[in-house]
Amino acid sequence: MGRGMLKIFASVIVLTFVLGCAGSAQYLSGKEHLEAKDWLHAGDLSYQVKDWDNAQYYYDLLVKKYPDSYYGKKAKENLVYVNHQRSLIGKAVRKGTEALEPVF
């Protein structure tokens, strides 16, 4: 009986692992991985220097080419922030923040 339970337990573990790996996430090859990583980094840098157009460009590239990958999902999340910064609320917050900064 112990051996049968061990086989069932092992089967459940293997099945769980296989189903987990067979999810909708897209696994990238070496070149694709580097390309996606570079695009995400370029989008993040553009966002940090408040270049919303370039940030959106790189994030859109990722979403179009690698939508189910980790990088595509991060780009989708970051596009929300870019769109917020481009909105009237984002512009108003930036203007208010700039007005409150001390003058040097």
N, C-alpha and C. Protein backbone atom coordinates (compact mmCIF):
# COMPACT_ATOMS: atom_id res chain seq x y z
N MET A 1 0.82 -1.20 0.00
CA MET A 1 0.00 0.00 0.00
C MET A 1 0.86 1.25 0.00
N GLY A 2 1.98 1.25 0.71
CA GLY A 2 2.85 2.41 0.77
C GLY A 2 3.45 2.74 -0.58
N ARG A 3 3.79 1.70 -1.34
CA ARG A 3 4.39 1.90 -2.65
C ARG A 3 3.38 2.51 -3.64
N GLY A 4 2.14 2.08 -3.56
CA GLY A 4 1.09 2.62 -4.42
C GLY A 4 0.83 4.09 -4.13
N MET A 5 0.83 4.43 -2.85
CA MET A 5 0.63 5.83 -2.46
C MET A 5 1.78 6.70 -2.95
N LEU A 6 2.99 6.14 -2.90
CA LEU A 6 4.16 6.87 -3.37
C LEU A 6 4.06 7.16 -4.86
N LYS A 7 3.57 6.17 -5.63
CA LYS A 7 3.40 6.36 -7.08
C LYS A 7 2.35 7.43 -7.36
N ILE A 8 1.27 7.40 -6.62
CA ILE A 8 0.22 8.41 -6.81
C ILE A 8 0.75 9.79 -6.46
N PHE A 9 1.45 9.90 -5.36
CA PHE A 9 2.02 11.17 -4.94
C PHE A 9 3.00 11.70 -5.99
N ALA A 10 3.86 10.82 -6.50
CA ALA A 10 4.83 11.23 -7.54
C ALA A 10 4.11 11.66 -8.80
N SER A 11 3.03 10.96 -9.17
CA SER A 11 2.26 11.32 -10.36
C SER A 11 1.62 12.70 -10.22
N VAL A 12 1.10 12.98 -9.03
CA VAL A 12 0.48 14.28 -8.78
C VAL A 12 1.53 15.39 -8.88
N ILE A 13 2.70 15.15 -8.34
CA ILE A 13 3.77 16.17 -8.40
C ILE A 13 4.18 16.41 -9.84
N VAL A 14 4.39 15.35 -10.60
CA VAL A 14 4.80 15.49 -12.00
C VAL A 14 3.71 16.20 -12.80
N LEU A 15 2.48 15.82 -12.60
CA LEU A 15 1.36 16.43 -13.32
C LEU A 15 1.25 17.92 -12.98
N THR A 16 1.40 18.26 -11.72
CA THR A 16 1.36 19.66 -11.29
C THR A 16 2.47 20.45 -11.96
N PHE A 17 3.66 19.89 -12.01
CA PHE A 17 4.80 20.56 -12.64
C PHE A 17 4.55 20.77 -14.12
N VAL A 18 4.05 19.74 -14.80
CA VAL A 18 3.81 19.83 -16.25
C VAL A 18 2.73 20.86 -16.54
N LEU A 19 1.66 20.85 -15.78
CA LEU A 19 0.59 21.83 -16.00
C LEU A 19 1.05 23.24 -15.69
N GLY A 20 1.88 23.39 -14.69
CA GLY A 20 2.41 24.71 -14.36
C GLY A 20 3.31 25.25 -15.45
N CYS A 21 4.09 24.37 -16.06
CA CYS A 21 4.99 24.80 -17.14
C CYS A 21 4.25 25.01 -18.44
N ALA A 22 3.09 24.42 -18.58
CA ALA A 22 2.35 24.52 -19.83
C ALA A 22 1.39 25.70 -19.82
N GLY A 23 1.61 26.65 -18.96
CA GLY A 23 0.75 27.83 -18.87
C GLY A 23 0.87 28.69 -20.11
N SER A 24 0.21 29.81 -20.09
CA SER A 24 0.19 30.68 -21.26
C SER A 24 1.44 31.55 -21.37
N ALA A 25 2.33 31.48 -20.40
CA ALA A 25 3.53 32.31 -20.45
C ALA A 25 4.42 31.86 -21.60
N GLN A 26 4.93 32.82 -22.31
CA GLN A 26 5.79 32.54 -23.44
C GLN A 26 7.24 32.53 -22.98
N TYR A 27 7.94 31.43 -23.27
CA TYR A 27 9.35 31.35 -22.91
C TYR A 27 10.17 31.79 -24.12
N LEU A 28 11.13 32.66 -23.89
CA LEU A 28 11.89 33.26 -24.97
C LEU A 28 13.24 32.56 -25.12
N SER A 29 13.71 32.52 -26.36
CA SER A 29 15.05 32.00 -26.61
C SER A 29 16.08 33.02 -26.14
N GLY A 30 17.34 32.69 -26.24
CA GLY A 30 18.40 33.58 -25.78
C GLY A 30 18.37 34.95 -26.43
N LYS A 31 18.28 34.97 -27.76
CA LYS A 31 18.27 36.25 -28.49
C LYS A 31 16.99 37.05 -28.19
N GLU A 32 15.85 36.35 -28.19
CA GLU A 32 14.59 37.04 -27.90
C GLU A 32 14.58 37.57 -26.47
N HIS A 33 15.13 36.78 -25.56
CA HIS A 33 15.18 37.20 -24.16
C HIS A 33 15.99 38.49 -24.02
N LEU A 34 17.15 38.55 -24.67
CA LEU A 34 17.98 39.75 -24.59
C LEU A 34 17.30 40.94 -25.24
N GLU A 35 16.65 40.70 -26.38
CA GLU A 35 15.96 41.78 -27.07
C GLU A 35 14.83 42.34 -26.20
N ALA A 36 14.03 41.46 -25.63
CA ALA A 36 12.92 41.90 -24.79
C ALA A 36 13.43 42.62 -23.55
N LYS A 37 14.49 42.10 -22.96
CA LYS A 37 15.06 42.73 -21.77
C LYS A 37 15.59 44.13 -22.10
N ASP A 38 16.25 44.26 -23.24
CA ASP A 38 16.76 45.57 -23.66
C ASP A 38 15.63 46.56 -23.93
N TRP A 39 14.56 46.10 -24.56
CA TRP A 39 13.43 46.99 -24.84
C TRP A 39 12.77 47.45 -23.55
N LEU A 40 12.63 46.53 -22.60
CA LEU A 40 12.03 46.93 -21.33
C LEU A 40 12.93 47.94 -20.62
N HIS A 41 14.22 47.70 -20.66
CA HIS A 41 15.16 48.62 -20.03
C HIS A 41 15.12 49.99 -20.71
N ALA A 42 15.07 50.00 -22.04
CA ALA A 42 14.99 51.26 -22.78
C ALA A 42 13.69 52.01 -22.44
N GLY A 43 12.60 51.27 -22.33
CA GLY A 43 11.33 51.90 -21.95
C GLY A 43 11.39 52.46 -20.54
N ASP A 44 12.01 51.71 -19.63
CA ASP A 44 12.13 52.18 -18.25
C ASP A 44 13.00 53.43 -18.15
N LEU A 45 14.11 53.44 -18.89
CA LEU A 45 14.98 54.63 -18.88
C LEU A 45 14.27 55.84 -19.47
N SER A 46 13.53 55.62 -20.55
CA SER A 46 12.77 56.72 -21.15
C SER A 46 11.73 57.24 -20.18
N TYR A 47 11.11 56.34 -19.45
CA TYR A 47 10.11 56.76 -18.46
C TYR A 47 10.77 57.59 -17.36
N GLN A 48 11.95 57.18 -16.92
CA GLN A 48 12.63 57.90 -15.84
C GLN A 48 13.02 59.32 -16.23
N VAL A 49 13.36 59.53 -17.51
CA VAL A 49 13.72 60.88 -17.95
C VAL A 49 12.50 61.62 -18.51
N LYS A 50 11.33 61.06 -18.28
CA LYS A 50 10.05 61.67 -18.66
C LYS A 50 9.89 61.84 -20.16
N ASP A 51 10.45 60.90 -20.92
CA ASP A 51 10.27 60.86 -22.37
C ASP A 51 9.15 59.85 -22.65
N TRP A 52 7.91 60.31 -22.50
CA TRP A 52 6.76 59.42 -22.56
C TRP A 52 6.61 58.76 -23.93
N ASP A 53 6.96 59.49 -25.02
CA ASP A 53 6.82 58.93 -26.36
C ASP A 53 7.70 57.71 -26.56
N ASN A 54 8.98 57.82 -26.19
CA ASN A 54 9.87 56.68 -26.34
C ASN A 54 9.51 55.55 -25.40
N ALA A 55 9.11 55.87 -24.19
CA ALA A 55 8.70 54.83 -23.24
C ALA A 55 7.53 54.04 -23.81
N GLN A 56 6.55 54.75 -24.34
CA GLN A 56 5.39 54.07 -24.92
C GLN A 56 5.81 53.25 -26.14
N TYR A 57 6.72 53.76 -26.94
CA TYR A 57 7.18 53.04 -28.13
C TYR A 57 7.78 51.69 -27.74
N TYR A 58 8.70 51.68 -26.78
CA TYR A 58 9.35 50.43 -26.40
C TYR A 58 8.39 49.48 -25.70
N TYR A 59 7.52 50.00 -24.87
CA TYR A 59 6.54 49.14 -24.21
C TYR A 59 5.57 48.54 -25.23
N ASP A 60 5.16 49.34 -26.20
CA ASP A 60 4.27 48.82 -27.26
C ASP A 60 4.95 47.73 -28.06
N LEU A 61 6.25 47.91 -28.36
CA LEU A 61 6.98 46.86 -29.07
C LEU A 61 6.92 45.54 -28.32
N LEU A 62 7.17 45.62 -27.03
CA LEU A 62 7.15 44.40 -26.21
C LEU A 62 5.77 43.76 -26.19
N VAL A 63 4.76 44.56 -26.02
CA VAL A 63 3.40 44.03 -25.95
C VAL A 63 3.01 43.37 -27.27
N LYS A 64 3.43 43.94 -28.38
CA LYS A 64 3.09 43.38 -29.69
C LYS A 64 3.88 42.12 -30.01
N LYS A 65 5.18 42.11 -29.69
CA LYS A 65 6.02 40.99 -30.09
C LYS A 65 6.04 39.84 -29.09
N TYR A 66 6.01 40.16 -27.81
CA TYR A 66 6.09 39.14 -26.76
C TYR A 66 4.98 39.33 -25.72
N PRO A 67 3.72 39.28 -26.10
CA PRO A 67 2.64 39.63 -25.17
C PRO A 67 2.52 38.71 -23.95
N ASP A 68 2.84 37.43 -24.09
CA ASP A 68 2.65 36.50 -22.98
C ASP A 68 3.90 36.26 -22.16
N SER A 69 4.99 36.93 -22.52
CA SER A 69 6.23 36.76 -21.77
C SER A 69 6.22 37.64 -20.53
N TYR A 70 7.17 37.42 -19.66
CA TYR A 70 7.33 38.26 -18.47
C TYR A 70 7.49 39.72 -18.88
N TYR A 71 8.31 39.96 -19.90
CA TYR A 71 8.61 41.32 -20.32
C TYR A 71 7.39 41.99 -20.95
N GLY A 72 6.60 41.23 -21.70
CA GLY A 72 5.38 41.77 -22.26
C GLY A 72 4.37 42.15 -21.20
N LYS A 73 4.29 41.34 -20.16
CA LYS A 73 3.37 41.64 -19.06
C LYS A 73 3.83 42.87 -18.28
N LYS A 74 5.14 42.99 -18.05
CA LYS A 74 5.66 44.18 -17.37
C LYS A 74 5.41 45.42 -18.21
N ALA A 75 5.58 45.30 -19.53
CA ALA A 75 5.35 46.44 -20.42
C ALA A 75 3.89 46.88 -20.37
N LYS A 76 2.96 45.91 -20.31
CA LYS A 76 1.53 46.26 -20.18
C LYS A 76 1.29 47.04 -18.90
N GLU A 77 1.90 46.60 -17.81
CA GLU A 77 1.75 47.31 -16.54
C GLU A 77 2.33 48.72 -16.65
N ASN A 78 3.49 48.85 -17.25
CA ASN A 78 4.15 50.15 -17.34
C ASN A 78 3.42 51.10 -18.28
N LEU A 79 2.73 50.57 -19.27
CA LEU A 79 1.94 51.43 -20.16
C LEU A 79 0.85 52.16 -19.39
N VAL A 80 0.34 51.55 -18.35
CA VAL A 80 -0.67 52.21 -17.53
C VAL A 80 -0.08 53.48 -16.91
N TYR A 81 1.16 53.37 -16.44
CA TYR A 81 1.83 54.53 -15.83
C TYR A 81 2.14 55.60 -16.88
N VAL A 82 2.54 55.19 -18.06
CA VAL A 82 2.82 56.15 -19.13
C VAL A 82 1.54 56.90 -19.49
N ASN A 83 0.46 56.16 -19.64
CA ASN A 83 -0.82 56.79 -19.99
C ASN A 83 -1.28 57.73 -18.88
N HIS A 84 -1.01 57.37 -17.63
CA HIS A 84 -1.36 58.26 -16.52
C HIS A 84 -0.55 59.55 -16.60
N GLN A 85 0.74 59.44 -16.87
CA GLN A 85 1.59 60.63 -16.95
C GLN A 85 1.18 61.54 -18.09
N ARG A 86 0.66 60.96 -19.18
CA ARG A 86 0.24 61.75 -20.33
C ARG A 86 -1.15 62.36 -20.12
N SER A 87 -1.89 61.88 -19.15
CA SER A 87 -3.25 62.38 -18.91
C SER A 87 -3.21 63.76 -18.27
N LEU A 88 -4.36 64.40 -18.20
CA LEU A 88 -4.46 65.72 -17.59
C LEU A 88 -4.10 65.66 -16.10
N ILE A 89 -4.48 64.59 -15.44
CA ILE A 89 -4.16 64.45 -14.01
C ILE A 89 -2.65 64.35 -13.81
N GLY A 90 -1.99 63.55 -14.65
CA GLY A 90 -0.54 63.42 -14.55
C GLY A 90 0.17 64.74 -14.80
N LYS A 91 -0.31 65.49 -15.78
CA LYS A 91 0.28 66.80 -16.07
C LYS A 91 0.08 67.76 -14.91
N ALA A 92 -1.10 67.72 -14.32
CA ALA A 92 -1.39 68.62 -13.19
C ALA A 92 -0.52 68.28 -11.99
N VAL A 93 -0.33 66.99 -11.73
CA VAL A 93 0.51 66.57 -10.61
C VAL A 93 1.95 67.02 -10.84
N ARG A 94 2.45 66.86 -12.06
CA ARG A 94 3.83 67.30 -12.37
C ARG A 94 3.98 68.80 -12.19
N LYS A 95 3.00 69.57 -12.66
CA LYS A 95 3.07 71.03 -12.51
C LYS A 95 3.07 71.42 -11.04
N GLY A 96 2.23 70.76 -10.25
CA GLY A 96 2.19 71.06 -8.83
C GLY A 96 3.47 70.68 -8.13
N THR A 97 4.06 69.56 -8.50
CA THR A 97 5.33 69.12 -7.91
C THR A 97 6.45 70.09 -8.27
N GLU A 98 6.47 70.53 -9.53
CA GLU A 98 7.49 71.47 -9.98
C GLU A 98 7.35 72.81 -9.25
N ALA A 99 6.12 73.21 -9.00
CA ALA A 99 5.88 74.50 -8.31
C ALA A 99 6.34 74.44 -6.85
N LEU A 100 6.29 73.28 -6.27
CA LEU A 100 6.66 73.13 -4.86
C LEU A 100 8.16 72.91 -4.65
N GLU A 101 8.90 72.60 -5.73
CA GLU A 101 10.34 72.38 -5.60
C GLU A 101 11.04 73.70 -5.26
N PRO A 102 12.00 73.64 -4.40
CA PRO A 102 12.72 74.88 -4.06
C PRO A 102 13.54 75.38 -5.26
N VAL A 103 13.68 76.67 -5.35
CA VAL A 103 14.42 77.27 -6.44
C VAL A 103 15.87 77.42 -6.01
N PHE A 104 16.76 76.91 -6.84
CA PHE A 104 18.20 76.99 -6.52
C PHE A 104 18.92 77.85 -7.54
